[in-house]
Amino acid sequence: MTVRSVAPTAPAAPAVLPARCAVAALALAALAWAVRAVWHLRLFLAGEPASGPPDQGGGTHRPLTALEDSYHQVAAAGGVVTAVCAVVFLFWLDRVRDNARALSGSAPRYGSFWLFLGWIVPVANLWIPRGVVADVHRSVFPGRPLPAVVNWWWGLWLAGLAGGAGIVHADDTDEVIARAYTGVLPLLAADLAVVAAAVAAALMIRTLTAAQDEHLARQGY
């Protein structure tokens, strides 16, 4: 993609506060997914009831057990925490992206709409979010390779998605319960990948924000 030289649309500003909020949100998200993993394991150890899975097929659902009902609550709470985390993370990314534009004097490779659509458009979501983060790094260190933590974050995130972690997976909660009864290992692997991705994302945020803010200070912002 062609990079065009343009004037910054917004003044640069330190991203310390957005970074701290994003790290805190990621910590909560990691905790939520760790709890989810515990419930997946509890379901597996309890074993499927004799009456079969919650979704009996043909639009029929049996009454949930107490453990299954609690899993619905855990999954719902985790979904809310994940949504909040996504909003806070994107707020940080938008801030450092604006700063990158001010520092480089060039338009980013990906337009503003990709900051959001890049996560949900099929196929494109396999590389565009990482590309947005890479642009932030290149605005400060154009000649240096990406920090390893960026690639760890993105690789773990994709592993979580590929494992059916429930973020973009088509299964509803009752179907995930059935999967936990019959084959919990892929679910646990996906859960742990998402937790590790959250930790890597927090480290990435601290690394990129510190480097960018130091560069902004040298530039007199």
Protein backbone atom coordinates (compact mmCIF):
# COMPACT_ATOMS: atom_id res chain seq x y z
CA MET A 1 0.00 0.00 0.00
CA THR A 2 1.19 3.52 -0.77
CA VAL A 3 2.05 5.77 2.17
CA ARG A 4 1.04 9.40 1.59
CA SER A 5 2.60 12.36 3.34
CA VAL A 6 -0.09 14.30 5.17
CA ALA A 7 -0.44 16.69 8.05
CA PRO A 8 -1.52 15.08 11.30
CA THR A 9 -5.24 15.31 11.97
CA ALA A 10 -4.80 15.45 15.74
CA PRO A 11 -2.00 16.67 18.02
CA ALA A 12 0.19 14.00 19.55
CA ALA A 13 -0.37 13.28 23.22
CA PRO A 14 1.19 10.85 25.69
CA ALA A 15 -0.65 7.53 25.81
CA VAL A 16 0.20 6.56 29.38
CA LEU A 17 -3.37 6.74 30.71
CA PRO A 18 -4.96 4.81 27.82
CA ALA A 19 -2.16 2.26 28.15
CA ARG A 20 -2.77 1.77 31.86
CA CYS A 21 -6.51 1.36 31.27
CA ALA A 22 -5.86 -1.16 28.52
CA VAL A 23 -3.46 -3.18 30.67
CA ALA A 24 -6.00 -3.26 33.52
CA ALA A 25 -8.76 -4.35 31.12
CA LEU A 26 -6.53 -7.08 29.71
CA ALA A 27 -5.81 -8.34 33.22
CA LEU A 28 -9.54 -8.64 33.87
CA ALA A 29 -10.07 -10.37 30.53
CA ALA A 30 -7.29 -12.85 31.28
CA LEU A 31 -8.90 -13.60 34.63
CA ALA A 32 -12.31 -14.07 32.98
CA TRP A 33 -10.92 -16.57 30.47
CA ALA A 34 -8.98 -18.41 33.17
CA VAL A 35 -12.25 -18.82 35.11
CA ARG A 36 -13.90 -20.01 31.91
CA ALA A 37 -11.18 -22.65 31.55
CA VAL A 38 -11.82 -23.81 35.11
CA TRP A 39 -15.52 -24.26 34.32
CA HIS A 40 -14.71 -26.19 31.15
CA LEU A 41 -12.62 -28.55 33.23
CA ARG A 42 -15.34 -28.84 35.89
CA LEU A 43 -17.87 -29.79 33.23
CA PHE A 44 -15.56 -32.44 31.82
CA LEU A 45 -14.84 -33.94 35.24
CA ALA A 46 -18.54 -33.95 36.17
CA GLY A 47 -19.38 -35.84 32.99
CA GLU A 48 -22.40 -35.50 30.78
CA PRO A 49 -25.72 -36.26 32.53
CA ALA A 50 -27.60 -39.39 31.53
CA SER A 51 -30.21 -37.16 29.89
CA GLY A 52 -27.61 -36.03 27.34
CA PRO A 53 -26.45 -32.55 26.31
CA PRO A 54 -28.51 -29.44 27.07
CA ASP A 55 -29.47 -29.07 23.41
CA GLN A 56 -31.47 -32.20 22.69
CA GLY A 57 -31.94 -31.33 19.02
CA GLY A 58 -35.05 -30.34 17.14
CA GLY A 59 -35.34 -27.15 19.20
CA THR A 60 -35.67 -29.09 22.47
CA HIS A 61 -33.55 -28.15 25.51
CA ARG A 62 -33.57 -30.04 28.77
CA PRO A 63 -33.38 -28.21 32.13
CA LEU A 64 -29.83 -27.18 32.97
CA THR A 65 -27.92 -28.66 35.89
CA ALA A 66 -26.61 -26.27 38.54
CA LEU A 67 -23.11 -26.53 37.05
CA GLU A 68 -24.35 -25.84 33.55
CA ASP A 69 -26.36 -22.87 34.75
CA SER A 70 -23.32 -21.44 36.50
CA TYR A 71 -21.32 -21.88 33.31
CA HIS A 72 -23.89 -19.76 31.47
CA GLN A 73 -23.28 -17.01 34.04
CA VAL A 74 -19.50 -17.35 33.75
CA ALA A 75 -19.69 -17.22 29.94
CA ALA A 76 -21.98 -14.17 29.99
CA ALA A 77 -19.75 -12.30 32.44
CA GLY A 78 -16.69 -13.20 30.40
CA GLY A 79 -18.37 -11.87 27.27
CA VAL A 80 -19.06 -8.52 28.91
CA VAL A 81 -15.49 -8.24 30.22
CA THR A 82 -14.10 -9.15 26.79
CA ALA A 83 -16.26 -6.52 25.09
CA VAL A 84 -15.12 -3.82 27.53
CA CYS A 85 -11.52 -4.91 27.06
CA ALA A 86 -11.87 -4.63 23.27
CA VAL A 87 -13.20 -1.07 23.54
CA VAL A 88 -10.41 0.03 25.89
CA PHE A 89 -7.74 -1.68 23.76
CA LEU A 90 -9.02 0.05 20.62
CA PHE A 91 -9.02 3.40 22.43
CA TRP A 92 -5.31 2.89 23.23
CA LEU A 93 -4.58 1.74 19.69
CA ASP A 94 -6.37 4.76 18.24
CA ARG A 95 -4.31 7.10 20.45
CA VAL A 96 -0.92 5.60 19.61
CA ARG A 97 -1.95 5.40 15.95
CA ASP A 98 -2.67 9.16 15.92
CA ASN A 99 0.68 9.75 17.60
CA ALA A 100 2.41 7.58 14.98
CA ARG A 101 0.87 9.72 12.26
CA ALA A 102 2.09 12.90 13.96
CA LEU A 103 5.60 11.53 14.40
CA SER A 104 6.00 10.16 10.88
CA GLY A 105 4.09 12.88 9.02
CA SER A 106 2.57 10.15 6.85
CA ALA A 107 -0.83 8.56 6.60
CA PRO A 108 -0.92 5.03 8.02
CA ARG A 109 -1.06 2.08 5.64
CA TYR A 110 -4.56 1.23 6.83
CA GLY A 111 -7.38 3.78 6.97
CA SER A 112 -9.26 4.57 10.15
CA PHE A 113 -12.09 2.16 9.36
CA TRP A 114 -9.60 -0.73 9.40
CA LEU A 115 -8.93 0.02 13.06
CA PHE A 116 -12.33 -1.57 13.73
CA LEU A 117 -13.24 -3.59 10.64
CA GLY A 118 -9.81 -5.18 10.54
CA TRP A 119 -10.82 -7.39 13.47
CA ILE A 120 -14.02 -8.74 11.93
CA VAL A 121 -13.58 -8.88 8.15
CA PRO A 122 -12.79 -12.51 7.27
CA VAL A 123 -9.25 -13.21 6.04
CA ALA A 124 -8.24 -9.56 6.50
CA ASN A 125 -8.51 -10.08 10.26
CA LEU A 126 -5.58 -12.49 10.03
CA TRP A 127 -3.05 -9.70 9.50
CA ILE A 128 -4.49 -6.16 9.53
CA PRO A 129 -4.63 -5.64 13.34
CA ARG A 130 -0.99 -6.72 13.59
CA GLY A 131 -0.21 -4.37 10.70
CA VAL A 132 -1.79 -1.43 12.55
CA VAL A 133 0.40 -2.17 15.57
CA ALA A 134 3.46 -2.58 13.32
CA ASP A 135 2.87 0.92 11.91
CA VAL A 136 2.96 2.34 15.44
CA HIS A 137 6.35 0.75 16.04
CA ARG A 138 7.76 1.89 12.68
CA SER A 139 6.81 5.50 13.41
CA VAL A 140 9.37 5.47 16.23
CA PHE A 141 11.91 2.92 14.97
CA PRO A 142 11.56 2.72 11.16
CA GLY A 143 14.66 0.60 10.76
CA ARG A 144 14.14 -1.88 13.54
CA PRO A 145 12.29 -5.20 13.49
CA LEU A 146 9.11 -5.54 15.52
CA PRO A 147 9.57 -6.45 19.18
CA ALA A 148 9.11 -10.19 19.67
CA VAL A 149 6.20 -9.56 22.04
CA VAL A 150 4.10 -8.24 19.13
CA ASN A 151 4.45 -11.51 17.26
CA TRP A 152 3.81 -13.53 20.42
CA TRP A 153 0.63 -11.54 21.05
CA TRP A 154 -0.65 -12.01 17.53
CA GLY A 155 0.30 -15.68 17.28
CA LEU A 156 -1.39 -16.52 20.56
CA TRP A 157 -4.50 -14.54 19.61
CA LEU A 158 -4.83 -16.44 16.32
CA ALA A 159 -4.25 -19.72 18.15
CA GLY A 160 -7.11 -18.88 20.51
CA LEU A 161 -9.41 -18.13 17.60
CA ALA A 162 -8.41 -21.25 15.70
CA GLY A 163 -9.08 -23.34 18.79
CA GLY A 164 -12.68 -22.21 19.01
CA ALA A 165 -12.30 -20.06 22.09
CA GLY A 166 -15.82 -18.72 21.72
CA ILE A 167 -14.81 -15.28 20.47
CA VAL A 168 -15.69 -15.87 16.85
CA HIS A 169 -16.85 -19.47 17.18
CA ALA A 170 -20.36 -20.25 15.95
CA ASP A 171 -21.28 -22.51 18.89
CA ASP A 172 -23.75 -21.16 21.43
CA THR A 173 -23.23 -21.71 25.15
CA ASP A 174 -25.11 -25.01 25.30
CA GLU A 175 -23.07 -26.35 22.39
CA VAL A 176 -19.85 -25.34 24.16
CA ILE A 177 -21.05 -27.24 27.23
CA ALA A 178 -21.57 -30.33 25.06
CA ARG A 179 -18.04 -29.92 23.68
CA ALA A 180 -16.64 -29.69 27.20
CA TYR A 181 -18.27 -33.02 28.06
CA THR A 182 -16.95 -34.85 25.02
CA GLY A 183 -13.62 -33.17 24.21
CA VAL A 184 -12.38 -30.56 26.62
CA LEU A 185 -8.73 -30.35 25.52
CA PRO A 186 -9.28 -28.07 22.47
CA LEU A 187 -11.38 -25.76 24.64
CA LEU A 188 -8.74 -25.62 27.37
CA ALA A 189 -5.98 -25.01 24.82
CA ALA A 190 -7.97 -22.14 23.30
CA ASP A 191 -8.73 -20.66 26.73
CA LEU A 192 -5.06 -20.75 27.74
CA ALA A 193 -4.00 -19.26 24.40
CA VAL A 194 -6.35 -16.30 24.94
CA VAL A 195 -5.06 -15.81 28.50
CA ALA A 196 -1.48 -15.86 27.23
CA ALA A 197 -2.40 -13.48 24.41
CA ALA A 198 -3.82 -11.03 26.95
CA VAL A 199 -0.59 -11.15 28.95
CA ALA A 200 1.48 -10.65 25.79
CA ALA A 201 -0.79 -7.76 24.75
CA ALA A 202 -0.24 -6.05 28.09
CA LEU A 203 3.54 -6.37 27.68
CA MET A 204 3.26 -5.10 24.10
CA ILE A 205 1.26 -2.07 25.20
CA ARG A 206 3.81 -1.18 27.87
CA THR A 207 6.70 -1.61 25.43
CA LEU A 208 5.25 0.39 22.54
CA THR A 209 3.76 3.12 24.72
CA ALA A 210 7.00 3.73 26.62
CA ALA A 211 9.01 3.94 23.39
CA GLN A 212 6.51 6.25 21.71
CA ASP A 213 6.10 8.56 24.70
CA GLU A 214 9.88 8.84 25.06
CA HIS A 215 10.11 9.80 21.38
CA LEU A 216 7.30 12.33 21.80
CA ALA A 217 9.15 13.92 24.70
CA ARG A 218 12.28 14.28 22.57
CA GLN A 219 10.19 15.92 19.85
CA GLY A 220 8.82 18.44 22.32
CA TYR A 221 5.22 17.12 22.57
